């Protein structure tokens, strides 16, 4: 019983430490939609502009090319885990975004049952 409790606590701690950033130049629509504040229309606008003009050079390039992405929204997106070329917006502290995969959780739960 103690072993199961320890495994559960360890699993919960591990899950809370898993973070993910979404790079605007690599993400598909689903990944962009997963960023808080970006909905289907914004992710489509980002993907359309990326297809038309190539990868975004930096945050300023993203803001210039995508209608609706200004200083405030880009700060919020950065805090929610969006990056441009792997970098958060300068001067904005990125908040950690939790990501848990169902498969790994199921595997760990199955191990606990043994």
N, C-alpha and C. Protein backbone atom coordinates (compact mmCIF):
# COMPACT_ATOMS: atom_id res chain seq x y z
N UNK A 1 0.83 -1.19 0.00
CA UNK A 1 0.00 0.00 0.00
C UNK A 1 0.87 1.26 0.00
N UNK A 2 1.92 1.26 0.82
CA UNK A 2 2.81 2.41 0.88
C UNK A 2 3.51 2.62 -0.46
N UNK A 3 3.87 1.51 -1.10
CA UNK A 3 4.55 1.59 -2.40
C UNK A 3 3.63 2.27 -3.42
N UNK A 4 2.36 1.91 -3.44
CA UNK A 4 1.41 2.52 -4.37
C UNK A 4 1.24 4.01 -4.09
N UNK A 5 1.21 4.37 -2.84
CA UNK A 5 1.08 5.77 -2.46
C UNK A 5 2.30 6.56 -2.91
N UNK A 6 3.48 6.01 -2.71
CA UNK A 6 4.71 6.70 -3.13
C UNK A 6 4.77 6.84 -4.65
N UNK A 7 4.36 5.81 -5.37
CA UNK A 7 4.36 5.87 -6.83
C UNK A 7 3.38 6.95 -7.29
N UNK A 8 2.21 7.02 -6.67
CA UNK A 8 1.21 8.03 -7.03
C UNK A 8 1.75 9.43 -6.79
N UNK A 9 2.36 9.66 -5.65
CA UNK A 9 2.92 10.98 -5.32
C UNK A 9 4.04 11.33 -6.30
N UNK A 10 4.89 10.38 -6.60
CA UNK A 10 5.98 10.63 -7.55
C UNK A 10 5.44 10.94 -8.95
N UNK A 11 4.41 10.23 -9.35
CA UNK A 11 3.81 10.46 -10.66
C UNK A 11 3.19 11.86 -10.74
N UNK A 12 2.51 12.26 -9.70
CA UNK A 12 1.89 13.59 -9.68
C UNK A 12 2.95 14.68 -9.71
N UNK A 13 4.03 14.48 -8.99
CA UNK A 13 5.11 15.46 -8.99
C UNK A 13 5.76 15.56 -10.36
N UNK A 14 5.95 14.43 -11.00
CA UNK A 14 6.54 14.40 -12.33
C UNK A 14 5.64 15.11 -13.34
N UNK A 15 4.37 14.86 -13.27
CA UNK A 15 3.43 15.48 -14.20
C UNK A 15 3.40 16.99 -14.04
N UNK A 16 3.54 17.48 -12.83
CA UNK A 16 3.50 18.93 -12.62
C UNK A 16 4.78 19.61 -13.08
N UNK A 17 5.84 18.83 -13.31
CA UNK A 17 7.10 19.41 -13.76
C UNK A 17 7.30 19.35 -15.27
N UNK A 18 6.36 18.74 -15.97
CA UNK A 18 6.49 18.63 -17.42
C UNK A 18 5.96 19.91 -18.05
N UNK A 19 6.82 20.60 -18.79
CA UNK A 19 6.44 21.86 -19.40
C UNK A 19 6.64 21.77 -20.91
N UNK A 20 5.85 22.54 -21.63
CA UNK A 20 5.99 22.54 -23.08
C UNK A 20 5.89 23.95 -23.61
N UNK A 21 6.74 24.28 -24.55
CA UNK A 21 6.65 25.53 -25.27
C UNK A 21 6.25 25.20 -26.70
N UNK A 22 5.52 26.10 -27.30
CA UNK A 22 5.07 25.93 -28.67
C UNK A 22 5.79 26.96 -29.52
N UNK A 23 6.62 26.50 -30.46
CA UNK A 23 7.34 27.42 -31.34
C UNK A 23 6.45 27.75 -32.53
N UNK A 24 6.22 29.04 -32.74
CA UNK A 24 5.32 29.51 -33.79
C UNK A 24 5.79 29.07 -35.18
N UNK A 25 7.06 28.82 -35.36
CA UNK A 25 7.58 28.41 -36.66
C UNK A 25 7.52 26.91 -36.90
N UNK A 26 7.22 26.13 -35.89
CA UNK A 26 7.18 24.68 -36.04
C UNK A 26 5.80 24.09 -35.77
N UNK A 27 4.94 24.85 -35.12
CA UNK A 27 3.66 24.33 -34.65
C UNK A 27 2.64 24.16 -35.76
N UNK A 28 1.79 23.14 -35.59
CA UNK A 28 0.64 22.99 -36.46
C UNK A 28 -0.54 23.70 -35.79
N UNK A 29 -1.70 23.64 -36.41
CA UNK A 29 -2.85 24.37 -35.89
C UNK A 29 -3.25 23.89 -34.50
N UNK A 30 -3.22 22.60 -34.27
CA UNK A 30 -3.61 22.07 -32.96
C UNK A 30 -2.67 22.57 -31.86
N UNK A 31 -1.38 22.61 -32.15
CA UNK A 31 -0.42 23.09 -31.16
C UNK A 31 -0.63 24.57 -30.88
N UNK A 32 -0.86 25.35 -31.92
CA UNK A 32 -1.12 26.78 -31.71
C UNK A 32 -2.41 26.99 -30.92
N UNK A 33 -3.44 26.21 -31.23
CA UNK A 33 -4.71 26.31 -30.50
C UNK A 33 -4.55 25.97 -29.02
N UNK A 34 -3.53 25.19 -28.69
CA UNK A 34 -3.34 24.80 -27.30
C UNK A 34 -2.76 25.93 -26.45
N UNK A 35 -2.27 26.98 -27.10
CA UNK A 35 -1.73 28.14 -26.37
C UNK A 35 -2.90 29.00 -25.92
N UNK A 36 -2.93 29.30 -24.64
CA UNK A 36 -4.03 30.09 -24.09
C UNK A 36 -4.10 31.45 -24.80
N UNK A 37 -5.28 31.78 -25.31
CA UNK A 37 -5.49 33.04 -25.99
C UNK A 37 -5.47 32.93 -27.50
N UNK A 38 -4.97 31.83 -28.01
CA UNK A 38 -4.96 31.62 -29.47
C UNK A 38 -6.08 30.65 -29.81
N UNK A 39 -7.00 31.14 -30.62
CA UNK A 39 -8.11 30.31 -31.06
C UNK A 39 -7.92 29.90 -32.51
N UNK A 40 -8.92 29.24 -33.07
CA UNK A 40 -8.81 28.75 -34.44
C UNK A 40 -8.54 29.85 -35.48
N UNK A 41 -9.17 31.00 -35.34
CA UNK A 41 -8.96 32.06 -36.35
C UNK A 41 -7.56 32.64 -36.24
N UNK A 42 -7.04 32.82 -35.04
CA UNK A 42 -5.69 33.36 -34.86
C UNK A 42 -4.65 32.34 -35.34
N UNK A 43 -4.84 31.06 -35.00
CA UNK A 43 -3.87 30.06 -35.43
C UNK A 43 -3.87 29.94 -36.96
N UNK A 44 -5.04 30.07 -37.59
CA UNK A 44 -5.11 30.04 -39.05
C UNK A 44 -4.39 31.24 -39.64
N UNK A 45 -4.56 32.41 -39.06
CA UNK A 45 -3.89 33.61 -39.55
C UNK A 45 -2.36 33.46 -39.44
N UNK A 46 -1.91 32.88 -38.34
CA UNK A 46 -0.47 32.66 -38.13
C UNK A 46 0.07 31.68 -39.17
N UNK A 47 -0.64 30.57 -39.37
CA UNK A 47 -0.20 29.56 -40.33
C UNK A 47 -0.23 30.09 -41.76
N UNK A 48 -1.28 30.85 -42.10
CA UNK A 48 -1.37 31.43 -43.44
C UNK A 48 -0.20 32.39 -43.70
N UNK A 49 0.11 33.22 -42.73
CA UNK A 49 1.20 34.19 -42.90
C UNK A 49 2.55 33.47 -42.95
N UNK A 50 2.71 32.44 -42.16
CA UNK A 50 3.96 31.68 -42.18
C UNK A 50 4.15 30.99 -43.54
N UNK A 51 3.05 30.48 -44.10
CA UNK A 51 3.11 29.84 -45.41
C UNK A 51 3.44 30.88 -46.49
N UNK A 52 2.83 32.04 -46.38
CA UNK A 52 3.01 33.10 -47.38
C UNK A 52 4.40 33.75 -47.31
N UNK A 53 4.85 34.07 -46.11
CA UNK A 53 6.08 34.84 -45.97
C UNK A 53 7.26 34.11 -45.34
N UNK A 54 7.10 32.82 -45.06
CA UNK A 54 8.18 32.06 -44.44
C UNK A 54 8.17 32.21 -42.92
N UNK A 55 9.15 31.60 -42.29
CA UNK A 55 9.23 31.62 -40.83
C UNK A 55 9.36 33.03 -40.30
N UNK A 56 8.88 33.20 -39.08
CA UNK A 56 8.98 34.49 -38.41
C UNK A 56 10.39 34.64 -37.85
N UNK A 57 10.99 35.81 -38.04
CA UNK A 57 12.36 36.06 -37.59
C UNK A 57 12.41 36.26 -36.08
N UNK A 58 11.44 37.01 -35.56
CA UNK A 58 11.41 37.35 -34.14
C UNK A 58 10.00 37.80 -33.77
N UNK A 59 9.82 38.21 -32.55
CA UNK A 59 8.51 38.62 -32.08
C UNK A 59 7.99 39.84 -32.85
N UNK A 60 8.87 40.77 -33.15
CA UNK A 60 8.45 41.97 -33.90
C UNK A 60 7.93 41.58 -35.28
N UNK A 61 8.59 40.64 -35.93
CA UNK A 61 8.16 40.16 -37.23
C UNK A 61 6.77 39.52 -37.13
N UNK A 62 6.55 38.73 -36.11
CA UNK A 62 5.24 38.11 -35.89
C UNK A 62 4.17 39.18 -35.73
N UNK A 63 4.45 40.17 -34.90
CA UNK A 63 3.48 41.24 -34.64
C UNK A 63 3.20 42.06 -35.90
N UNK A 64 4.20 42.28 -36.71
CA UNK A 64 4.04 43.08 -37.92
C UNK A 64 3.22 42.34 -38.97
N UNK A 65 3.46 41.05 -39.10
CA UNK A 65 2.85 40.28 -40.18
C UNK A 65 1.48 39.70 -39.88
N UNK A 66 1.16 39.47 -38.60
CA UNK A 66 -0.11 38.83 -38.27
C UNK A 66 -1.05 39.85 -37.63
N UNK A 67 -2.13 40.15 -38.34
CA UNK A 67 -3.13 41.09 -37.84
C UNK A 67 -3.74 40.54 -36.55
N UNK A 68 -3.82 41.38 -35.55
CA UNK A 68 -4.39 40.98 -34.27
C UNK A 68 -3.36 40.59 -33.23
N UNK A 69 -2.10 40.51 -33.63
CA UNK A 69 -1.04 40.22 -32.67
C UNK A 69 -0.28 41.52 -32.42
N UNK A 70 -0.57 42.11 -31.28
CA UNK A 70 0.10 43.34 -30.88
C UNK A 70 0.96 43.10 -29.66
N UNK A 71 1.40 44.17 -29.03
CA UNK A 71 2.27 44.05 -27.86
C UNK A 71 1.60 43.27 -26.72
N UNK A 72 0.39 43.64 -26.38
CA UNK A 72 -0.29 42.99 -25.24
C UNK A 72 -0.58 41.52 -25.51
N UNK A 73 -1.11 41.23 -26.70
CA UNK A 73 -1.43 39.83 -26.98
C UNK A 73 -0.17 38.99 -27.10
N UNK A 74 0.88 39.54 -27.69
CA UNK A 74 2.11 38.76 -27.81
C UNK A 74 2.73 38.49 -26.43
N UNK A 75 2.60 39.43 -25.51
CA UNK A 75 3.07 39.19 -24.14
C UNK A 75 2.28 38.06 -23.49
N UNK A 76 0.97 38.07 -23.69
CA UNK A 76 0.13 37.00 -23.13
C UNK A 76 0.46 35.65 -23.75
N UNK A 77 0.66 35.64 -25.08
CA UNK A 77 1.01 34.39 -25.75
C UNK A 77 2.35 33.86 -25.25
N UNK A 78 3.30 34.75 -25.07
CA UNK A 78 4.62 34.35 -24.58
C UNK A 78 4.52 33.77 -23.17
N UNK A 79 3.74 34.43 -22.33
CA UNK A 79 3.54 33.92 -20.96
C UNK A 79 2.87 32.56 -20.98
N UNK A 80 2.04 32.32 -21.99
CA UNK A 80 1.33 31.04 -22.08
C UNK A 80 2.16 29.94 -22.73
N UNK A 81 3.38 30.28 -23.18
CA UNK A 81 4.27 29.25 -23.70
C UNK A 81 4.62 29.36 -25.17
N UNK A 82 4.11 30.37 -25.88
CA UNK A 82 4.46 30.53 -27.29
C UNK A 82 5.86 31.11 -27.40
N UNK A 83 6.63 30.59 -28.34
CA UNK A 83 7.98 31.10 -28.59
C UNK A 83 8.14 31.39 -30.08
N UNK A 84 9.10 32.24 -30.40
CA UNK A 84 9.48 32.48 -31.79
C UNK A 84 10.95 32.08 -31.89
N UNK A 85 11.22 31.07 -32.70
CA UNK A 85 12.57 30.51 -32.80
C UNK A 85 13.10 30.06 -31.44
N UNK A 86 12.21 29.53 -30.62
CA UNK A 86 12.59 29.01 -29.31
C UNK A 86 12.74 30.05 -28.22
N UNK A 87 12.47 31.32 -28.54
CA UNK A 87 12.66 32.39 -27.55
C UNK A 87 11.33 33.01 -27.12
N UNK A 88 11.22 33.23 -25.83
CA UNK A 88 10.08 33.97 -25.31
C UNK A 88 10.24 35.42 -25.71
N UNK A 89 9.16 36.17 -25.62
CA UNK A 89 9.25 37.59 -25.96
C UNK A 89 10.19 38.28 -24.97
N UNK A 90 11.13 39.08 -25.47
CA UNK A 90 12.08 39.77 -24.58
C UNK A 90 11.35 40.60 -23.53
N UNK A 91 11.80 40.45 -22.29
CA UNK A 91 11.21 41.20 -21.19
C UNK A 91 9.98 40.56 -20.59
N UNK A 92 9.54 39.44 -21.14
CA UNK A 92 8.35 38.76 -20.64
C UNK A 92 8.76 37.42 -20.07
N UNK A 93 8.39 37.19 -18.84
CA UNK A 93 8.69 35.92 -18.20
C UNK A 93 7.65 34.90 -18.64
N UNK A 94 8.11 33.83 -19.23
CA UNK A 94 7.21 32.79 -19.71
C UNK A 94 6.72 31.95 -18.55
N UNK A 95 5.42 31.77 -18.49
CA UNK A 95 4.84 30.90 -17.48
C UNK A 95 4.94 29.47 -17.97
N UNK A 96 5.14 28.56 -17.05
CA UNK A 96 5.25 27.14 -17.41
C UNK A 96 3.87 26.62 -17.76
N UNK A 97 3.83 25.85 -18.81
CA UNK A 97 2.58 25.24 -19.24
C UNK A 97 2.66 23.74 -19.00
N UNK A 98 1.68 23.22 -18.27
CA UNK A 98 1.68 21.80 -17.96
C UNK A 98 1.21 21.00 -19.16
N UNK A 99 1.86 19.89 -19.35
CA UNK A 99 1.46 18.98 -20.42
C UNK A 99 1.57 17.56 -19.89
N UNK A 100 0.47 16.83 -19.95
CA UNK A 100 0.49 15.44 -19.50
C UNK A 100 -0.01 14.57 -20.62
N UNK A 101 0.67 13.49 -20.87
CA UNK A 101 0.23 12.58 -21.92
C UNK A 101 -0.57 11.45 -21.31
N UNK A 102 -1.66 11.13 -21.96
CA UNK A 102 -2.55 10.09 -21.46
C UNK A 102 -1.84 8.74 -21.45
N UNK A 103 -1.05 8.48 -22.46
CA UNK A 103 -0.38 7.18 -22.56
C UNK A 103 0.56 6.94 -21.39
N UNK A 104 1.39 7.95 -21.06
CA UNK A 104 2.34 7.75 -19.97
C UNK A 104 1.62 7.64 -18.63
N UNK A 105 0.54 8.37 -18.47
CA UNK A 105 -0.23 8.30 -17.23
C UNK A 105 -0.86 6.93 -17.09
N UNK A 106 -1.42 6.42 -18.20
CA UNK A 106 -2.05 5.10 -18.17
C UNK A 106 -1.02 4.03 -17.84
N UNK A 107 0.17 4.14 -18.43
CA UNK A 107 1.23 3.17 -18.17
C UNK A 107 1.61 3.17 -16.69
N UNK A 108 1.75 4.34 -16.13
CA UNK A 108 2.13 4.45 -14.71
C UNK A 108 1.02 3.91 -13.82
N UNK A 109 -0.22 4.17 -14.20
CA UNK A 109 -1.35 3.67 -13.40
C UNK A 109 -1.39 2.13 -13.47
N UNK A 110 -1.10 1.58 -14.65
CA UNK A 110 -1.07 0.13 -14.79
C UNK A 110 0.04 -0.47 -13.93
N UNK A 111 1.19 0.21 -13.85
CA UNK A 111 2.28 -0.27 -13.02
C UNK A 111 1.90 -0.28 -11.54
N UNK A 112 1.12 0.72 -11.15
CA UNK A 112 0.69 0.80 -9.75
C UNK A 112 -0.22 -0.36 -9.37
N UNK A 113 -1.01 -0.83 -10.32
CA UNK A 113 -1.95 -1.91 -10.04
C UNK A 113 -1.25 -3.23 -9.79
N UNK A 114 -0.01 -3.36 -10.28
CA UNK A 114 0.73 -4.63 -10.14
C UNK A 114 1.20 -4.86 -8.75
